[in-house]
Amino acid sequence: MFGSVQAFSGFSTNDIAAAKKFYGDDLGIKVSDDMMGLVLHFENGHRVFIYPKEDHEPATYTVLNFPVDNIEKAVAFLAAKGVAFERYEGADDRGIHRDDHGPAIAWFKDPAGNFLSVLSDVENQSG
């Protein structure tokens, strides 16, 4: 029954204006205003809804993953925009984590503190 619907996910923020700037200007995602928040529009047709929540608490898990062809370029692009990457044990000096169990990945936060990631489409992409 639900396999053919155009489902979408959503998460909260404490500052719609900051979210609009971050996702639209900094990340370059098409963003539209919705009467209840913001909608992120991806070229593949997927959408993500961001809604304001007065008592917002940042998600403690990754709410949005961005698969990229080249994680090195993606991290450099974001760093140039002022994005700070989380530094976990085993990550390199840029915050890129590589291991034998999956793709290279780097985590960062949006202005509301929600976790996001960039990850390579190629497993263990070397730098």
C-alpha atoms as a PDB file:
ATOM      1  CA  MET A   1       0.000   0.000   0.000  1.00  0.00           C
ATOM      2  CA  PHE A   2       2.728   2.502   0.877  1.00  0.00           C
ATOM      3  CA  GLY A   3       5.386   1.292  -1.546  1.00  0.00           C
ATOM      4  CA  SER A   4       4.157   3.576  -4.312  1.00  0.00           C
ATOM      5  CA  VAL A   5       3.669   6.789  -2.314  1.00  0.00           C
ATOM      6  CA  GLN A   6       6.231   9.589  -2.438  1.00  0.00           C
ATOM      7  CA  ALA A   7       7.207   9.395   1.213  1.00  0.00           C
ATOM      8  CA  PHE A   8       9.468  12.015   2.745  1.00  0.00           C
ATOM      9  CA  SER A   9      11.243  12.474   6.025  1.00  0.00           C
ATOM     10  CA  GLY A  10      11.479  15.455   8.296  1.00  0.00           C
ATOM     11  CA  PHE A  11      13.240  16.843  11.308  1.00  0.00           C
ATOM     12  CA  SER A  12      13.061  19.954  13.470  1.00  0.00           C
ATOM     13  CA  THR A  13      15.069  23.124  13.865  1.00  0.00           C
ATOM     14  CA  ASN A  14      15.018  26.001  16.291  1.00  0.00           C
ATOM     15  CA  ASP A  15      15.745  28.612  13.580  1.00  0.00           C
ATOM     16  CA  ILE A  16      14.047  28.382  10.171  1.00  0.00           C
ATOM     17  CA  ALA A  17      15.978  31.353   8.742  1.00  0.00           C
ATOM     18  CA  ALA A  18      19.337  29.819   9.701  1.00  0.00           C
ATOM     19  CA  ALA A  19      18.251  26.455   8.274  1.00  0.00           C
ATOM     20  CA  LYS A  20      17.171  28.082   5.007  1.00  0.00           C
ATOM     21  CA  LYS A  21      20.526  29.841   4.641  1.00  0.00           C
ATOM     22  CA  PHE A  22      22.553  26.757   5.567  1.00  0.00           C
ATOM     23  CA  TYR A  23      20.764  24.260   3.358  1.00  0.00           C
ATOM     24  CA  GLY A  24      20.116  26.675   0.488  1.00  0.00           C
ATOM     25  CA  ASP A  25      23.155  28.931   0.386  1.00  0.00           C
ATOM     26  CA  ASP A  26      25.874  26.862   2.049  1.00  0.00           C
ATOM     27  CA  LEU A  27      24.933  23.377   0.821  1.00  0.00           C
ATOM     28  CA  GLY A  28      23.360  24.501  -2.465  1.00  0.00           C
ATOM     29  CA  ILE A  29      20.116  22.567  -2.069  1.00  0.00           C
ATOM     30  CA  LYS A  30      16.904  23.922  -3.587  1.00  0.00           C
ATOM     31  CA  VAL A  31      14.796  25.108  -0.641  1.00  0.00           C
ATOM     32  CA  SER A  32      11.197  26.259  -0.701  1.00  0.00           C
ATOM     33  CA  ASP A  33       9.047  27.765   2.005  1.00  0.00           C
ATOM     34  CA  ASP A  34       6.089  25.749   3.191  1.00  0.00           C
ATOM     35  CA  MET A  35       3.372  27.120   5.448  1.00  0.00           C
ATOM     36  CA  MET A  36       4.670  24.792   8.166  1.00  0.00           C
ATOM     37  CA  GLY A  37       8.435  25.095   7.532  1.00  0.00           C
ATOM     38  CA  LEU A  38      10.908  24.411   4.733  1.00  0.00           C
ATOM     39  CA  VAL A  39      11.148  21.752   2.048  1.00  0.00           C
ATOM     40  CA  LEU A  40      14.498  20.573   0.677  1.00  0.00           C
ATOM     41  CA  HIS A  41      14.191  19.424  -2.940  1.00  0.00           C
ATOM     42  CA  PHE A  42      16.711  16.977  -4.382  1.00  0.00           C
ATOM     43  CA  GLU A  43      17.226  16.328  -8.094  1.00  0.00           C
ATOM     44  CA  ASN A  44      16.181  12.690  -7.683  1.00  0.00           C
ATOM     45  CA  GLY A  45      12.719  13.820  -6.554  1.00  0.00           C
ATOM     46  CA  HIS A  46      13.243  13.192  -2.856  1.00  0.00           C
ATOM     47  CA  ARG A  47      12.111  15.811  -0.394  1.00  0.00           C
ATOM     48  CA  VAL A  48      12.916  16.506   3.233  1.00  0.00           C
ATOM     49  CA  PHE A  49      10.720  18.661   5.466  1.00  0.00           C
ATOM     50  CA  ILE A  50      12.273  20.891   8.141  1.00  0.00           C
ATOM     51  CA  TYR A  51       9.869  22.310  10.670  1.00  0.00           C
ATOM     52  CA  PRO A  52      10.271  24.817  13.499  1.00  0.00           C
ATOM     53  CA  LYS A  53      10.025  23.501  17.018  1.00  0.00           C
ATOM     54  CA  GLU A  54      10.225  25.864  19.940  1.00  0.00           C
ATOM     55  CA  ASP A  55      11.651  23.237  22.307  1.00  0.00           C
ATOM     56  CA  HIS A  56      13.880  21.700  19.603  1.00  0.00           C
ATOM     57  CA  GLU A  57      16.537  19.293  20.752  1.00  0.00           C
ATOM     58  CA  PRO A  58      19.151  18.262  18.180  1.00  0.00           C
ATOM     59  CA  ALA A  59      18.938  14.717  16.913  1.00  0.00           C
ATOM     60  CA  THR A  60      21.597  12.459  18.414  1.00  0.00           C
ATOM     61  CA  TYR A  61      21.750  10.411  15.211  1.00  0.00           C
ATOM     62  CA  THR A  62      22.404  11.268  11.556  1.00  0.00           C
ATOM     63  CA  VAL A  63      19.244  12.784  10.081  1.00  0.00           C
ATOM     64  CA  LEU A  64      20.534  13.303   6.545  1.00  0.00           C
ATOM     65  CA  ASN A  65      23.314  11.602   4.554  1.00  0.00           C
ATOM     66  CA  PHE A  66      24.822  13.032   1.383  1.00  0.00           C
ATOM     67  CA  PRO A  67      26.445  10.379  -0.838  1.00  0.00           C
ATOM     68  CA  VAL A  68      29.208  12.000  -2.911  1.00  0.00           C
ATOM     69  CA  ASP A  69      31.564  10.836  -5.632  1.00  0.00           C
ATOM     70  CA  ASN A  70      34.584  12.427  -3.954  1.00  0.00           C
ATOM     71  CA  ILE A  71      34.555  12.854  -0.196  1.00  0.00           C
ATOM     72  CA  GLU A  72      37.792  14.851  -0.235  1.00  0.00           C
ATOM     73  CA  LYS A  73      36.245  17.518  -2.480  1.00  0.00           C
ATOM     74  CA  ALA A  74      32.979  17.530  -0.516  1.00  0.00           C
ATOM     75  CA  VAL A  75      34.767  18.026   2.801  1.00  0.00           C
ATOM     76  CA  ALA A  76      36.972  20.780   1.323  1.00  0.00           C
ATOM     77  CA  PHE A  77      33.895  22.517  -0.142  1.00  0.00           C
ATOM     78  CA  LEU A  78      32.049  22.432   3.178  1.00  0.00           C
ATOM     79  CA  ALA A  79      35.119  23.468   5.188  1.00  0.00           C
ATOM     80  CA  ALA A  80      35.509  26.498   2.899  1.00  0.00           C
ATOM     81  CA  LYS A  81      31.913  27.412   3.826  1.00  0.00           C
ATOM     82  CA  GLY A  82      32.883  27.324   7.507  1.00  0.00           C
ATOM     83  CA  VAL A  83      31.416  23.910   8.293  1.00  0.00           C
ATOM     84  CA  ALA A  84      33.193  22.193  11.194  1.00  0.00           C
ATOM     85  CA  PHE A  85      33.465  18.415  11.123  1.00  0.00           C
ATOM     86  CA  GLU A  86      33.072  16.132  14.103  1.00  0.00           C
ATOM     87  CA  ARG A  87      36.322  14.490  15.190  1.00  0.00           C
ATOM     88  CA  TYR A  88      35.909  10.876  16.168  1.00  0.00           C
ATOM     89  CA  GLU A  89      38.605   8.368  17.012  1.00  0.00           C
ATOM     90  CA  GLY A  90      40.085   7.005  13.818  1.00  0.00           C
ATOM     91  CA  ALA A  91      39.234  10.065  11.710  1.00  0.00           C
ATOM     92  CA  ASP A  92      41.907  11.913   9.769  1.00  0.00           C
ATOM     93  CA  ASP A  93      42.760  15.572  10.404  1.00  0.00           C
ATOM     94  CA  ARG A  94      39.806  16.695   8.233  1.00  0.00           C
ATOM     95  CA  GLY A  95      37.283  14.544  10.115  1.00  0.00           C
ATOM     96  CA  ILE A  96      36.995  11.806   7.488  1.00  0.00           C
ATOM     97  CA  HIS A  97      36.566   8.386   9.019  1.00  0.00           C
ATOM     98  CA  ARG A  98      37.647   5.305   7.086  1.00  0.00           C
ATOM     99  CA  ASP A  99      37.520   1.680   8.097  1.00  0.00           C
ATOM    100  CA  ASP A 100      37.132  -1.743   6.517  1.00  0.00           C
ATOM    101  CA  HIS A 101      33.361  -1.896   7.072  1.00  0.00           C
ATOM    102  CA  GLY A 102      31.920   0.715   4.753  1.00  0.00           C
ATOM    103  CA  PRO A 103      32.331   3.980   2.931  1.00  0.00           C
ATOM    104  CA  ALA A 104      34.507   6.882   4.004  1.00  0.00           C
ATOM    105  CA  ILE A 105      32.291   9.249   6.011  1.00  0.00           C
ATOM    106  CA  ALA A 106      32.506  12.639   7.707  1.00  0.00           C
ATOM    107  CA  TRP A 107      29.899  14.007  10.105  1.00  0.00           C
ATOM    108  CA  PHE A 108      28.935  17.628  10.676  1.00  0.00           C
ATOM    109  CA  LYS A 109      26.039  19.535  12.204  1.00  0.00           C
ATOM    110  CA  ASP A 110      23.462  21.947  10.847  1.00  0.00           C
ATOM    111  CA  PRO A 111      22.839  25.267  12.677  1.00  0.00           C
ATOM    112  CA  ALA A 112      20.299  23.539  14.970  1.00  0.00           C
ATOM    113  CA  GLY A 113      22.827  20.863  15.964  1.00  0.00           C
ATOM    114  CA  ASN A 114      21.326  18.011  13.924  1.00  0.00           C
ATOM    115  CA  PHE A 115      23.880  15.505  12.621  1.00  0.00           C
ATOM    116  CA  LEU A 116      24.476  15.262   8.873  1.00  0.00           C
ATOM    117  CA  SER A 117      27.102  13.356   6.908  1.00  0.00           C
ATOM    118  CA  VAL A 118      28.891  13.181   3.612  1.00  0.00           C
ATOM    119  CA  LEU A 119      29.955   9.718   2.576  1.00  0.00           C
ATOM    120  CA  SER A 120      31.716   8.383  -0.447  1.00  0.00           C
ATOM    121  CA  ASP A 121      29.949   6.210  -2.971  1.00  0.00           C
ATOM    122  CA  VAL A 122      33.232   4.296  -3.244  1.00  0.00           C
ATOM    123  CA  GLU A 123      34.086   2.263  -0.175  1.00  0.00           C
ATOM    124  CA  ASN A 124      37.179   3.387   1.716  1.00  0.00           C
ATOM    125  CA  GLN A 125      37.998   6.129  -0.761  1.00  0.00           C
ATOM    126  CA  SER A 126      41.579   7.057   0.033  1.00  0.00           C
ATOM    127  CA  GLY A 127      42.824  10.544   0.520  1.00  0.00           C
END
